[in-house]
Protein backbone atom coordinates (compact mmCIF):
# COMPACT_ATOMS: atom_id res chain seq x y z
CA MET A 1 -267.73 -7.68 115.70
CA LEU A 2 -269.95 -6.65 113.56
CA GLY A 3 -273.53 -8.04 113.60
CA SER A 4 -275.33 -9.35 110.34
CA SER A 5 -278.75 -7.77 109.38
CA ARG A 6 -281.96 -9.77 109.67
CA GLY A 7 -282.49 -11.84 106.85
CA ARG A 8 -280.04 -11.39 104.12
CA ASN A 9 -276.66 -10.79 104.70
CA LEU A 10 -276.26 -7.63 102.37
CA THR A 11 -272.72 -7.38 102.63
CA PHE A 12 -270.59 -8.83 99.67
CA ARG A 13 -267.04 -9.25 98.63
CA ALA A 14 -265.43 -9.29 95.05
CA GLN A 15 -265.40 -12.94 93.76
CA LEU A 16 -262.43 -12.57 91.10
CA PRO A 17 -259.29 -13.84 92.07
CA SER A 18 -257.34 -10.66 90.94
CA ALA A 19 -258.20 -7.08 89.92
CA ILE A 20 -254.86 -6.97 87.62
CA SER A 21 -256.43 -10.46 85.36
CA PHE A 22 -259.43 -8.51 86.01
CA PHE A 23 -258.69 -5.95 83.49
CA ARG A 24 -256.46 -7.67 81.34
CA SER A 25 -259.39 -8.06 79.41
CA SER A 26 -261.19 -5.66 77.03
CA ALA A 27 -264.32 -7.72 77.86
CA ALA A 28 -264.64 -6.64 81.47
CA MET A 29 -264.59 -3.08 80.87
CA ASP A 30 -267.28 -3.95 78.53
CA SER A 31 -268.96 -6.06 80.92
CA LEU A 32 -268.85 -3.17 83.60
CA SER A 33 -270.45 -0.80 81.02
CA GLN A 34 -273.10 -3.30 80.46
CA HIS A 35 -273.44 -3.51 84.75
CA LEU A 36 -273.68 0.53 84.85
CA GLU A 37 -276.20 0.58 82.14
CA GLY A 38 -278.34 -1.94 83.71
CA LEU A 39 -278.23 -0.29 87.21
CA LYS A 40 -279.66 2.75 85.41
CA LEU A 41 -282.34 0.69 84.32
CA PHE A 42 -282.78 -0.91 87.88
CA GLY A 43 -282.33 2.33 89.58
CA ASN A 44 -285.81 3.38 87.95
CA LYS A 45 -287.51 0.30 88.83
CA ASP A 46 -289.17 -0.50 92.09
CA GLN A 47 -289.98 -4.47 91.72
CA VAL A 48 -288.33 -6.48 94.34
CA GLU A 49 -287.44 -9.36 91.74
CA VAL A 50 -284.68 -6.77 90.35
CA GLU A 51 -282.95 -6.82 93.73
CA GLU A 52 -281.22 -9.87 92.83
CA GLU A 53 -279.72 -8.33 89.45
CA ILE A 54 -278.74 -5.05 91.28
CA PHE A 55 -276.68 -7.13 93.87
CA LYS A 56 -275.15 -8.62 90.60
CA SER A 57 -273.95 -5.37 89.20
CA LEU A 58 -273.02 -3.65 92.18
CA ASN A 59 -270.70 -6.58 93.01
CA MET A 60 -269.20 -6.05 89.76
CA VAL A 61 -268.92 -2.18 90.26
CA LEU A 62 -267.32 -2.77 93.66
CA GLN A 63 -264.86 -5.32 92.05
CA ALA A 64 -264.00 -2.53 89.15
CA VAL A 65 -263.11 0.14 91.95
CA THR A 66 -261.34 -2.09 94.09
CA GLY A 67 -259.32 -2.52 91.21
CA ASP A 68 -258.05 -0.13 89.04
CA GLN A 69 -259.03 2.78 90.08
CA GLN A 70 -258.07 4.98 87.24
CA GLN A 71 -259.94 3.38 84.39
CA SER A 72 -262.62 2.55 86.50
CA GLY A 73 -263.16 5.54 87.63
CA LYS A 74 -263.07 7.08 84.36
CA LEU A 75 -265.26 4.86 83.25
CA LEU A 76 -267.74 5.14 86.55
CA GLN A 77 -267.25 9.56 86.06
CA ALA A 78 -268.92 9.21 82.60
CA SER A 79 -271.65 6.90 83.37
CA GLY A 80 -273.85 9.35 85.96
CA ILE A 81 -273.43 5.81 88.51
CA PHE A 82 -274.14 8.31 91.08
CA THR A 83 -277.39 9.72 90.50
CA THR A 84 -278.23 6.04 90.10
CA LEU A 85 -277.20 5.32 93.24
CA ASP A 86 -278.97 7.85 94.89
CA GLN A 87 -282.15 6.67 93.22
CA ILE A 88 -281.43 2.76 94.30
CA LEU A 89 -280.78 4.04 97.90
CA THR A 90 -284.03 6.27 97.85
CA SER A 91 -286.09 3.62 96.13
CA HIS A 92 -284.45 0.22 97.58
CA PRO A 93 -283.37 0.28 101.04
CA ARG A 94 -282.58 -3.38 101.05
CA CYS A 95 -280.21 -2.48 98.78
CA ALA A 96 -278.62 0.26 100.93
CA VAL A 97 -275.87 -1.71 102.53
CA PRO A 98 -273.91 -2.70 98.58
CA VAL A 99 -274.50 0.61 97.33
CA THR A 100 -272.94 2.36 100.76
CA GLN A 101 -270.35 -0.12 100.38
CA VAL A 102 -269.79 1.02 96.46
CA LEU A 103 -269.59 4.39 97.39
CA ALA A 104 -267.09 4.12 100.30
CA GLU A 105 -264.71 2.40 97.77
CA LEU A 106 -265.75 5.01 95.15
CA ALA A 107 -264.89 7.92 97.90
CA LYS A 108 -261.76 6.61 98.19
CA ASN A 109 -260.95 8.16 94.23
CA GLU A 110 -260.35 12.20 94.96
CA GLU A 111 -261.94 12.84 91.23
CA LEU A 112 -265.08 10.89 92.46
CA LYS A 113 -265.69 12.90 95.53
CA GLN A 114 -267.36 15.94 93.73
CA PRO A 115 -269.59 13.92 91.49
CA CYS A 116 -270.80 12.22 94.84
CA ILE A 117 -271.55 15.84 96.33
CA ASP A 118 -273.28 17.04 92.91
CA ALA A 119 -275.88 13.99 92.95
CA GLY A 120 -276.93 15.06 96.36
CA LEU A 121 -275.32 11.31 97.92
CA ILE A 122 -274.43 13.16 101.07
CA THR A 123 -278.17 14.03 101.76
CA THR A 124 -279.47 10.26 101.08
CA LEU A 125 -276.47 8.94 102.79
CA LEU A 126 -277.02 10.96 106.25
CA PRO A 127 -280.22 9.55 107.46
CA LEU A 128 -279.17 6.06 107.16
CA LEU A 129 -276.87 6.89 110.59
CA LYS A 130 -279.97 6.67 112.39
CA SER A 131 -280.09 2.99 111.28
CA SER A 132 -279.49 -0.06 113.74
CA ASP A 133 -277.65 -2.23 111.25
CA GLN A 134 -274.27 -2.20 111.94
CA ASP A 135 -272.77 -2.72 108.20
CA LEU A 136 -274.95 -0.03 106.93
CA LEU A 137 -273.72 2.40 109.44
CA LEU A 138 -270.06 0.93 109.28
CA HIS A 139 -270.18 1.63 105.00
CA ALA A 140 -272.39 4.88 105.20
CA GLY A 141 -270.22 6.44 107.85
CA ARG A 142 -266.98 5.20 105.49
CA ALA A 143 -268.94 6.74 102.62
CA ILE A 144 -269.93 10.26 104.24
CA GLY A 145 -266.21 10.53 105.92
CA ARG A 146 -264.58 9.82 102.75
CA ILE A 147 -266.52 12.10 100.57
CA CYS A 148 -266.42 15.08 102.97
CA TYR A 149 -263.20 14.53 103.67
CA GLY A 150 -260.88 18.06 103.68
CA ASN A 151 -264.10 19.56 102.58
CA LYS A 152 -264.64 22.56 105.20
CA GLU A 153 -267.75 23.83 103.61
CA LEU A 154 -269.44 20.42 102.98
CA GLN A 155 -268.13 19.59 106.84
CA GLU A 156 -270.10 22.71 108.01
CA GLU A 157 -273.04 21.40 106.41
CA LEU A 158 -272.79 17.98 107.91
CA VAL A 159 -272.70 19.41 110.90
CA LYS A 160 -275.51 21.73 110.68
CA SER A 161 -277.53 18.68 109.66
CA GLY A 162 -277.23 16.91 112.69
CA VAL A 163 -274.45 14.75 112.09
CA ILE A 164 -272.89 15.36 115.34
CA THR A 165 -275.80 13.59 117.37
CA LEU A 166 -276.08 10.87 114.72
CA LEU A 167 -272.26 9.94 115.37
CA VAL A 168 -272.25 10.37 119.12
CA LYS A 169 -275.27 7.93 119.48
CA ILE A 170 -273.35 5.64 117.30
CA LEU A 171 -270.43 5.43 119.81
CA SER A 172 -272.78 5.46 122.49
CA ASP A 173 -275.09 2.26 121.22
CA PHE A 174 -272.05 0.02 120.14
CA PRO A 175 -269.14 0.98 121.98
CA GLU A 176 -267.65 -2.32 121.45
CA SER A 177 -267.82 -2.94 117.47
CA GLU A 178 -264.17 -1.94 116.57
CA PRO A 179 -264.59 -1.34 112.95
CA LEU A 180 -267.68 0.79 113.79
CA VAL A 181 -266.14 2.90 116.49
CA ARG A 182 -262.81 3.52 114.79
CA VAL A 183 -264.80 4.96 111.84
CA ASP A 184 -267.33 7.15 113.74
CA LEU A 185 -263.61 8.27 116.27
CA LEU A 186 -262.32 9.38 112.83
CA ALA A 187 -265.46 11.04 111.35
CA LEU A 188 -265.20 12.80 114.77
CA CYS A 189 -261.67 13.72 114.49
CA ASN A 190 -262.20 15.10 111.38
CA LEU A 191 -265.06 17.61 112.26
CA ALA A 192 -264.08 18.59 116.10
CA ASP A 193 -261.57 21.47 114.98
CA LEU A 194 -264.90 23.02 113.64
CA ASP A 195 -266.07 25.76 116.30
CA THR A 196 -270.10 24.61 115.22
CA ALA A 197 -269.31 21.07 115.59
CA LYS A 198 -267.58 22.09 119.22
CA GLU A 199 -271.36 23.32 120.19
CA ALA A 200 -273.12 20.68 118.93
CA LEU A 201 -270.90 18.17 121.08
CA SER A 202 -271.16 20.01 124.34
CA LYS A 203 -274.99 19.48 123.95
CA THR A 204 -274.13 15.52 123.68
CA ASN A 205 -272.33 13.22 126.26
CA VAL A 206 -269.62 12.78 123.91
CA ALA A 207 -266.98 13.38 126.91
CA GLU A 208 -268.68 10.28 128.85
CA GLN A 209 -268.34 7.98 125.26
CA LEU A 210 -264.58 9.31 124.55
CA VAL A 211 -263.31 8.52 128.04
CA ARG A 212 -264.96 5.19 127.75
CA GLN A 213 -263.12 4.76 124.80
CA LEU A 214 -259.93 6.14 126.03
CA ARG A 215 -259.70 3.08 128.81
CA ARG A 216 -260.26 0.38 126.44
CA ALA A 217 -258.08 1.61 123.93
CA GLU A 218 -255.26 -0.75 123.16
CA ASN A 219 -253.34 -0.04 120.18
CA GLN A 220 -251.54 3.38 119.24
CA GLU A 221 -253.53 4.10 116.37
CA ARG A 222 -256.69 3.97 118.84
CA LEU A 223 -255.00 6.28 121.35
CA GLU A 224 -253.56 8.97 118.66
CA ILE A 225 -257.26 9.38 117.52
CA ILE A 226 -259.04 9.85 120.49
CA THR A 227 -256.38 12.31 121.74
CA GLU A 228 -256.18 14.41 118.91
CA ILE A 229 -260.18 14.65 119.15
CA LEU A 230 -259.71 15.33 123.02
CA GLN A 231 -257.03 17.95 122.31
CA GLN A 232 -259.40 19.88 120.00
CA LEU A 233 -262.51 19.34 122.17
CA ALA A 234 -260.20 21.18 125.19
CA GLU A 235 -260.35 23.95 123.44
CA ASN A 236 -263.58 24.88 124.11
CA ASP A 237 -264.35 25.74 127.95
CA THR A 238 -267.66 24.11 127.89
CA LEU A 239 -266.28 20.57 126.80
CA LYS A 240 -263.24 20.74 128.94
CA LEU A 241 -265.53 21.06 131.70
CA GLN A 242 -267.72 18.08 130.43
CA LEU A 243 -264.33 16.20 130.22
CA VAL A 244 -263.50 16.82 133.80
CA GLU A 245 -266.76 15.93 135.23
CA ALA A 246 -266.55 12.74 133.07
CA ASP A 247 -263.24 12.03 135.13
CA VAL A 248 -260.93 12.00 132.06
CA GLN A 249 -258.09 13.06 134.35
CA SER A 250 -258.14 9.61 136.05
CA ALA A 251 -257.75 7.87 132.76
CA LEU A 252 -254.53 10.30 131.52
CA VAL A 253 -253.05 9.89 134.67
CA GLU A 254 -253.31 5.76 134.24
CA LEU A 255 -252.33 6.56 130.66
CA LEU A 256 -249.23 8.96 131.97
CA GLN A 257 -247.79 5.82 134.28
CA LYS A 258 -248.17 3.33 131.51
CA ALA A 259 -246.18 5.38 129.12
CA GLN A 260 -243.79 6.15 131.58
CA ASP A 261 -243.38 2.41 132.71
CA ASN A 262 -243.39 1.19 128.97
CA PRO A 263 -240.17 2.42 127.06
CA GLU A 264 -241.74 1.03 123.85
CA LEU A 265 -244.99 3.27 124.59
CA GLU A 266 -243.08 6.14 125.66
CA ALA A 267 -240.74 6.53 122.42
CA THR A 268 -244.01 6.72 120.81
CA GLY A 269 -244.59 10.09 121.89
CA ILE A 270 -247.89 9.31 123.81
CA LEU A 271 -246.07 10.68 126.98
CA LYS A 272 -246.13 14.08 125.40
CA THR A 273 -249.18 13.79 123.95
CA ILE A 274 -250.75 12.76 127.15
CA SER A 275 -249.59 15.37 128.93
CA ASP A 276 -250.00 18.32 126.72
CA LEU A 277 -253.71 17.11 126.91
CA VAL A 278 -253.56 17.16 130.70
CA ILE A 279 -251.83 20.63 130.72
CA SER A 280 -254.79 21.60 128.15
CA LEU A 281 -257.44 20.93 130.73
CA LEU A 282 -256.19 23.31 133.21
CA LEU A 283 -256.00 26.31 130.54
CA GLY A 284 -259.71 26.82 131.57
CA ASP A 285 -260.81 28.77 134.70
CA GLU A 286 -263.45 26.32 135.82
CA SER A 287 -262.20 23.09 134.83
CA MET A 288 -259.03 23.92 136.56
CA GLN A 289 -260.59 25.10 139.82
CA LYS A 290 -262.38 21.64 139.87
CA LEU A 291 -258.93 19.48 139.14
CA PHE A 292 -257.38 21.46 141.98
CA ALA A 293 -260.38 20.83 144.41
CA ASN A 294 -258.60 22.89 147.27
CA GLY A 295 -255.29 20.78 146.55
CA THR A 296 -257.08 17.44 146.77
CA GLY A 297 -257.66 17.02 143.18
CA LEU A 298 -256.06 13.89 141.09
CA ILE A 299 -254.03 15.91 139.12
CA TYR A 300 -252.45 18.02 141.66
CA GLN A 301 -252.44 15.51 144.29
CA LYS A 302 -249.55 13.64 140.95
CA ILE A 303 -247.88 16.68 141.01
CA SER A 304 -245.28 15.69 143.63
CA ASN A 305 -244.70 12.11 141.86
CA TRP A 306 -244.01 14.11 138.32
CA LEU A 307 -241.86 16.20 139.79
CA MET A 308 -239.88 13.63 141.64
CA SER A 309 -239.74 11.62 138.50
CA GLN A 310 -236.54 11.32 136.46
CA ASN A 311 -238.45 11.44 133.09
CA ALA A 312 -238.21 15.09 132.10
CA GLN A 313 -241.45 14.84 130.18
CA LEU A 314 -243.16 14.58 133.56
CA GLN A 315 -241.12 17.04 135.31
CA LEU A 316 -242.27 19.51 132.63
CA THR A 317 -246.00 18.33 133.07
CA GLY A 318 -245.47 18.74 136.70
CA ALA A 319 -243.87 22.35 136.46
CA LEU A 320 -246.64 23.19 134.07
CA ALA A 321 -249.41 21.87 136.13
CA VAL A 322 -248.62 24.35 139.24
CA ALA A 323 -248.08 27.29 136.86
CA ASN A 324 -251.77 26.72 136.04
CA PHE A 325 -253.19 26.57 139.22
CA ALA A 326 -251.26 29.53 140.51
CA ARG A 327 -253.64 31.61 138.27
CA ASN A 328 -255.53 31.73 141.05
CA ASP A 329 -254.48 33.50 144.69
CA SER A 330 -255.96 31.06 147.24
CA ASN A 331 -254.60 28.31 144.99
CA CYS A 332 -251.38 29.77 145.42
CA VAL A 333 -251.67 30.02 149.09
CA LYS A 334 -252.55 26.52 149.55
CA MET A 335 -250.03 25.27 147.52
CA VAL A 336 -247.11 27.47 149.47
CA GLN A 337 -248.54 25.81 152.76
CA LEU A 338 -248.50 22.33 150.72
CA GLY A 339 -244.59 22.47 150.74
CA ILE A 340 -244.54 22.78 146.63
CA VAL A 341 -242.15 25.32 146.21
CA HIS A 342 -239.20 23.14 147.30
CA GLN A 343 -240.23 20.60 145.28
CA LEU A 344 -239.87 22.58 142.28
CA LEU A 345 -236.61 24.17 143.65
CA ASP A 346 -235.40 20.55 143.57
CA VAL A 347 -235.96 19.90 140.02
CA LEU A 348 -234.16 23.66 139.02
CA GLU A 349 -231.75 22.17 140.82
CA LYS A 350 -231.36 18.99 138.84
CA HIS A 351 -231.22 20.84 135.46
CA VAL A 352 -228.63 23.91 136.73
CA GLU A 353 -225.98 22.38 134.67
CA GLU A 354 -226.74 21.99 130.53
CA GLY A 355 -230.31 20.89 131.47
CA ASP A 356 -233.68 20.44 130.25
CA VAL A 357 -234.45 24.19 129.36
CA THR A 358 -238.34 23.98 128.87
CA VAL A 359 -238.42 22.09 132.77
CA GLN A 360 -236.15 25.31 134.14
CA HIS A 361 -238.59 28.06 132.13
CA ALA A 362 -241.76 26.02 133.34
CA ALA A 363 -240.55 25.47 137.21
CA LEU A 364 -239.88 29.38 137.34
CA SER A 365 -242.94 30.60 135.72
CA ALA A 366 -244.64 28.24 138.82
CA LEU A 367 -242.62 30.10 141.11
CA ARG A 368 -243.14 33.37 139.69
CA ASN A 369 -247.14 32.94 139.69
CA LEU A 370 -246.90 31.39 143.32
CA ALA A 371 -245.07 34.72 144.29
CA ILE A 372 -247.62 37.10 143.66
CA PRO A 373 -249.81 36.83 146.68
CA VAL A 374 -247.76 38.91 149.56
CA ILE A 375 -248.35 36.32 152.04
CA ASN A 376 -246.63 33.59 149.76
CA LYS A 377 -243.71 36.30 148.92
CA VAL A 378 -242.81 36.62 152.89
CA GLN A 379 -243.13 33.08 153.38
CA MET A 380 -240.95 31.94 150.17
CA LEU A 381 -238.31 34.50 151.23
CA GLU A 382 -238.22 33.35 154.64
CA GLU A 383 -237.73 29.70 153.48
CA GLY A 384 -234.66 30.75 151.15
CA VAL A 385 -236.14 30.56 147.92
CA ALA A 386 -234.14 33.95 146.56
CA GLU A 387 -230.88 32.42 147.74
CA ARG A 388 -232.02 28.85 145.85
CA ILE A 389 -232.82 30.26 142.75
CA GLN A 390 -229.73 32.70 142.59
CA MET A 391 -227.98 29.27 141.56
CA LEU A 392 -229.71 30.03 138.43
CA LEU A 393 -227.48 33.33 137.62
CA ARG A 394 -225.07 31.27 136.05
CA SER A 395 -227.28 29.71 133.42
CA GLU A 396 -226.48 30.66 129.71
CA MET A 397 -230.00 30.00 128.19
CA PRO A 398 -231.82 33.03 127.68
CA PRO A 399 -235.43 31.74 127.95
CA VAL A 400 -234.18 30.46 131.72
CA GLN A 401 -232.63 34.37 132.44
CA PHE A 402 -235.70 35.70 131.56
CA LYS A 403 -237.82 33.86 133.98
CA LEU A 404 -235.41 33.86 136.57
CA LEU A 405 -235.34 37.48 136.59
CA GLY A 406 -239.11 37.93 136.42
CA THR A 407 -239.16 35.38 139.16
CA LEU A 408 -236.83 37.42 141.18
CA ARG A 409 -238.73 40.64 140.60
CA MET A 410 -242.00 39.73 141.34
CA LEU A 411 -240.77 37.88 145.30
CA LEU A 412 -239.07 41.66 145.60
CA ASP A 413 -242.25 43.65 145.13
CA GLY A 414 -242.95 45.47 148.02
CA GLN A 415 -240.60 43.43 150.44
CA VAL A 416 -237.90 46.06 151.92
CA GLU A 417 -235.63 43.66 153.65
CA ALA A 418 -235.17 41.05 150.57
CA ALA A 419 -234.49 44.10 148.47
CA GLU A 420 -231.79 45.57 150.81
CA ILE A 421 -230.53 41.78 151.14
CA LEU A 422 -230.39 41.30 147.42
CA GLY A 423 -229.71 44.56 146.35
CA GLN A 424 -225.86 44.70 147.98
CA ASP A 425 -225.33 41.05 146.72
CA PRO A 426 -222.04 41.84 144.41
CA ALA A 427 -222.73 38.50 142.39
CA LEU A 428 -226.38 39.18 141.57
CA LEU A 429 -225.45 42.57 140.62
CA ASN A 430 -222.44 41.97 138.74
CA ARG A 431 -224.95 39.52 136.42
CA LEU A 432 -227.73 42.09 136.08
CA VAL A 433 -224.91 44.55 134.77
CA GLN A 434 -223.78 41.84 132.41
CA TRP A 435 -227.43 41.04 131.11
CA CYS A 436 -228.21 44.87 130.61
CA GLU A 437 -225.46 44.97 127.75
CA ALA A 438 -227.34 41.85 126.57
CA LYS A 439 -228.74 43.28 123.47
CA GLU A 440 -229.57 40.27 121.15
CA HIS A 441 -231.54 39.16 124.03
CA ALA A 442 -233.90 42.14 124.38
CA GLY A 443 -236.32 40.45 126.77
CA VAL A 444 -233.39 39.55 129.11
CA GLN A 445 -232.17 43.06 128.92
CA GLY A 446 -235.40 44.61 130.14
CA GLU A 447 -236.24 42.31 132.66
CA ALA A 448 -232.31 43.06 134.29
CA ASN A 449 -232.99 46.76 134.11
CA ARG A 450 -236.30 46.32 135.69
CA LEU A 451 -234.87 44.21 138.44
CA LEU A 452 -232.19 46.74 138.86
CA ALA A 453 -234.50 49.75 139.38
CA SER A 454 -236.89 47.55 141.78
CA LEU A 455 -234.46 46.84 144.00
CA LEU A 456 -233.93 50.65 144.33
CA ARG A 457 -237.86 51.34 144.49
CA HIS A 458 -238.33 48.34 147.50
CA SER A 459 -235.28 49.31 149.46
CA LYS A 460 -234.73 53.08 149.32
CA SER A 461 -231.62 52.13 150.81
CA GLN A 462 -228.11 54.11 150.33
CA GLU A 463 -226.64 51.12 150.79
CA VAL A 464 -228.10 49.81 148.14
CA VAL A 465 -227.37 52.83 145.74
CA ARG A 466 -223.85 52.75 146.66
CA ALA A 467 -223.90 48.85 145.67
CA ILE A 468 -225.33 49.63 142.21
CA GLN A 469 -223.04 52.52 141.50
CA GLU A 470 -220.03 50.46 142.58
CA ALA A 471 -221.57 47.89 139.75
CA ARG A 472 -221.85 50.46 137.36
CA GLY A 473 -225.56 49.72 137.01
CA MET A 474 -226.55 53.48 137.44
CA LYS A 475 -226.10 54.14 133.71
CA TYR A 476 -228.37 51.33 132.51
CA LEU A 477 -231.43 52.84 134.38
CA VAL A 478 -230.74 56.24 132.68
CA THR A 479 -230.87 54.45 129.54
CA MET A 480 -234.08 53.21 130.65
CA THR A 481 -235.80 56.23 130.58
CA THR A 482 -235.89 56.27 126.69
CA SER A 483 -237.52 52.82 126.69
CA GLU A 484 -240.26 52.38 124.03
CA HIS A 485 -242.38 50.96 127.09
CA ALA A 486 -243.88 53.43 129.43
CA ILE A 487 -244.09 51.32 132.29
CA MET A 488 -240.31 50.72 131.99
CA GLN A 489 -239.84 54.59 132.14
CA ASN A 490 -241.76 55.01 134.79
CA GLU A 491 -240.08 52.45 136.89
CA ALA A 492 -236.35 54.10 135.49
CA LEU A 493 -237.59 57.19 136.88
CA ILE A 494 -238.88 56.25 139.93
CA ALA A 495 -235.75 54.03 140.54
CA LEU A 496 -233.38 57.42 139.36
CA ALA A 497 -235.60 59.46 141.93
CA ILE A 498 -235.13 57.51 145.12
CA ALA A 499 -231.59 57.00 144.35
CA SER A 500 -231.19 60.90 143.94
CA ALA A 501 -233.41 61.40 146.84
CA VAL A 502 -230.74 59.14 149.31
CA ASN A 503 -227.62 59.80 147.95
CA LEU A 504 -227.04 62.33 144.89
CA GLU A 505 -223.48 62.80 145.52
CA ILE A 506 -222.02 59.31 144.83
CA ILE A 507 -224.22 59.02 141.45
CA LYS A 508 -224.08 62.41 140.49
CA ASP A 509 -221.03 62.04 137.99
CA ALA A 510 -223.02 58.33 136.44
CA PHE A 511 -225.76 60.77 135.88
CA LYS A 512 -223.37 63.41 134.04
CA GLU A 513 -221.37 60.74 132.15
CA SER A 514 -224.69 58.90 130.88
CA GLN A 515 -226.81 62.30 130.07
CA LEU A 516 -229.48 61.88 132.10
CA VAL A 517 -230.78 65.70 131.99
CA SER A 518 -230.88 65.20 128.17
CA ASN A 519 -232.99 62.27 128.06
CA LEU A 520 -235.10 63.88 130.74
CA GLN A 521 -235.63 67.07 128.41
CA LYS A 522 -236.57 65.13 125.12
CA LEU A 523 -239.10 63.62 127.37
CA LEU A 524 -240.56 66.79 128.72
CA GLU A 525 -240.14 67.72 125.03
CA ASP A 526 -241.75 64.99 123.30
CA ASP A 527 -245.51 65.51 122.45
CA MET A 528 -246.06 61.67 122.52
CA THR A 529 -244.74 61.21 126.28
CA SER A 530 -247.41 60.15 128.44
CA PRO A 531 -248.25 62.84 131.48
CA GLU A 532 -247.34 60.17 134.32
CA VAL A 533 -243.91 59.99 132.56
CA LYS A 534 -243.54 63.70 132.29
CA TYR A 535 -244.79 64.11 135.52
CA LYS A 536 -241.95 61.91 136.87
CA SER A 537 -239.20 63.47 134.74
CA LEU A 538 -240.06 66.86 136.22
CA GLY A 539 -239.85 65.15 139.71
CA LEU A 540 -236.62 64.07 139.15
CA LEU A 541 -235.27 66.79 137.27
CA CYS A 542 -236.12 68.67 140.65
CA SER A 543 -234.04 66.22 142.30
CA LEU A 544 -231.44 66.78 140.08
CA LEU A 545 -231.21 70.56 140.45
CA GLY A 546 -229.89 69.83 143.94
CA SER A 547 -226.67 69.26 142.94
CA GLY A 548 -224.33 72.06 141.53
CA ASP A 549 -222.92 70.31 138.69
CA LEU A 550 -226.33 68.86 137.47
CA ARG A 551 -227.85 72.25 138.05
CA LYS A 552 -225.20 73.69 135.46
CA GLN A 553 -225.94 70.83 133.16
CA VAL A 554 -229.77 71.94 133.08
CA GLU A 555 -229.33 75.36 132.72
CA GLU A 556 -226.73 74.83 129.46
CA ALA A 557 -229.55 72.69 128.25
CA LYS A 558 -231.90 75.56 128.28
CA ILE A 559 -234.68 73.88 129.97
CA GLN A 560 -236.22 76.35 131.28
CA GLY A 561 -237.91 77.16 128.41
CA THR A 562 -239.45 73.90 128.55
CA LEU A 563 -240.55 74.10 131.90
CA GLU A 564 -242.66 77.14 131.15
CA ASN A 565 -244.32 75.58 128.28
CA LEU A 566 -245.32 72.80 130.62
CA CYS A 567 -247.13 75.13 132.58
CA ASN A 568 -249.76 75.37 129.98
CA HIS A 569 -249.77 71.63 129.72
CA SER A 570 -253.57 70.04 130.12
CA ASN A 571 -252.56 67.60 132.73
CA ALA A 572 -252.63 69.75 136.14
CA ASN A 573 -250.24 67.83 137.99
CA VAL A 574 -247.64 68.18 134.89
CA VAL A 575 -248.43 71.77 135.37
CA LYS A 576 -247.91 71.47 139.18
CA GLN A 577 -245.03 70.12 139.13
CA ALA A 578 -243.34 71.96 135.95
CA ILE A 579 -244.05 75.30 138.19
CA ALA A 580 -242.15 73.52 141.13
CA ALA A 581 -239.13 72.72 138.83
CA LEU A 582 -239.04 76.36 137.62
CA GLN A 583 -239.19 77.67 141.00
CA ILE A 584 -235.68 75.55 142.34
CA LEU A 585 -234.03 76.47 138.63
CA LYS A 586 -234.64 80.30 139.31
CA SER A 587 -233.89 80.39 142.64
CA ASP A 588 -230.19 81.22 143.99
CA THR A 589 -230.24 78.05 146.43
CA GLN A 590 -229.44 74.00 145.71
CA ASP A 591 -232.61 73.30 147.85
CA SER A 592 -234.52 71.09 144.96
CA GLY A 593 -237.37 69.77 147.72
CA LEU A 594 -236.58 66.61 146.34
CA PHE A 595 -238.86 64.05 144.92
CA PHE A 596 -239.09 61.28 146.59
CA PRO A 597 -242.03 58.41 144.65
């Protein structure tokens, strides 16, 4: 409930029964003009006795602006009333409530905002937010908010003038005054996207106040306003941490439970809004660590329930939370120890057939992050993770395919035994070869190539070379050497060098057909090729010279001149490798001195 000011209740309402009937009479317009003229005179006086007349005239203006805004707006704009109202606020403080009420109504009219600004009313209104009179705070807040709405330049000036501190104090002093809280929250909502406002807010106790209001919010509109403010504040790491320290997470968890249990509430979209806010809190390193609390934090404790829920939004929230907690290696190790991996796999299995792509994508992102620490790779492979996620090989959704390939590649990094096993799996290899052809999905195509290269690189196995050759996968690794990305060029060259070193005989025909020698020559002659790629290209070339057929291709391509030019390269490693390649090429034997990365 709004409190009344001491003495006279300065809040007033229009007395006429109908704004429409009021403007049917030209006498009404004449009357309004008279009162506007009268206000100009009153505004220049300082006698207390004129205040009754001021109230009366302001009441007439209020009736006008709450009636036909178009007609009254034109008259008010021409009258110069804005300067008069500024003078009344300065000279007659007891009239402040009705003046601010009139201004709040005037500012609803877009055309009247600029005259308010030109009259300097913002400067006059701002100190009124220090008042203890709730009526004055309400109307002054409305007036300022409406005048400044959508005007970023003016909003910046407000922030510089200290409005943030005043708004947070009002929220702190009158937490149960519903109209005042609403106006205050709307003002914060309009300002919170400004970086200057975020900086000012970080120096207040706004986090504590917003959490208090979040807990007592009883309607959809209030929830939406508060969560929008929170989402904007969560873009700032300092404020994000302050929100966590104010225990916003417990309020959010309670709201998620309410939304899940109430179909009508969930239908409003509040479940997604709250979920997004939870994830926003995890995007800051410090706030994320505080929420994790070595696996004891409330958000982490709720993840299992969310993943096991039948609600796709909660499953998504759980998977995204794991993915964000897994940005830290020690967190990854702890989570794998706590058994989160199989909960993620359970979620994936629920969505294999025409499931929710976003949930699958998030769960695979989480698994990939968890697989980064070496100790986790070993444990996850021992627990059969690689086999379980292969169920997604039949997925036709490119985002899922992309994440699946990246997750498998991360799991296999440095894991010889796993690379040997998967590198001989016909189902996996055949699917990879299909995806290597997926030209319409460059990301999937690239990841499929990289996984093929990874199988060779980490296994260094003749059986894997043979299996990839039988699946007709070598030509894709040759094509990969022409990638626009140096990292992919390097991975392809290393894989091909390894394949050449362990079993050149069974792959030489594939190399001939796919023009590997020609690709290497282009890389060696291109000035834009990095020294590292040139070095590996030369190493692979040395390996190829061990085959009579491939040596013949090299000789026919007249690469000798290219090698002689590279002997003057600025990079010492490139020079050394070029000299070695020349020596092998000029020798009569086919001893290549195999390059084995």
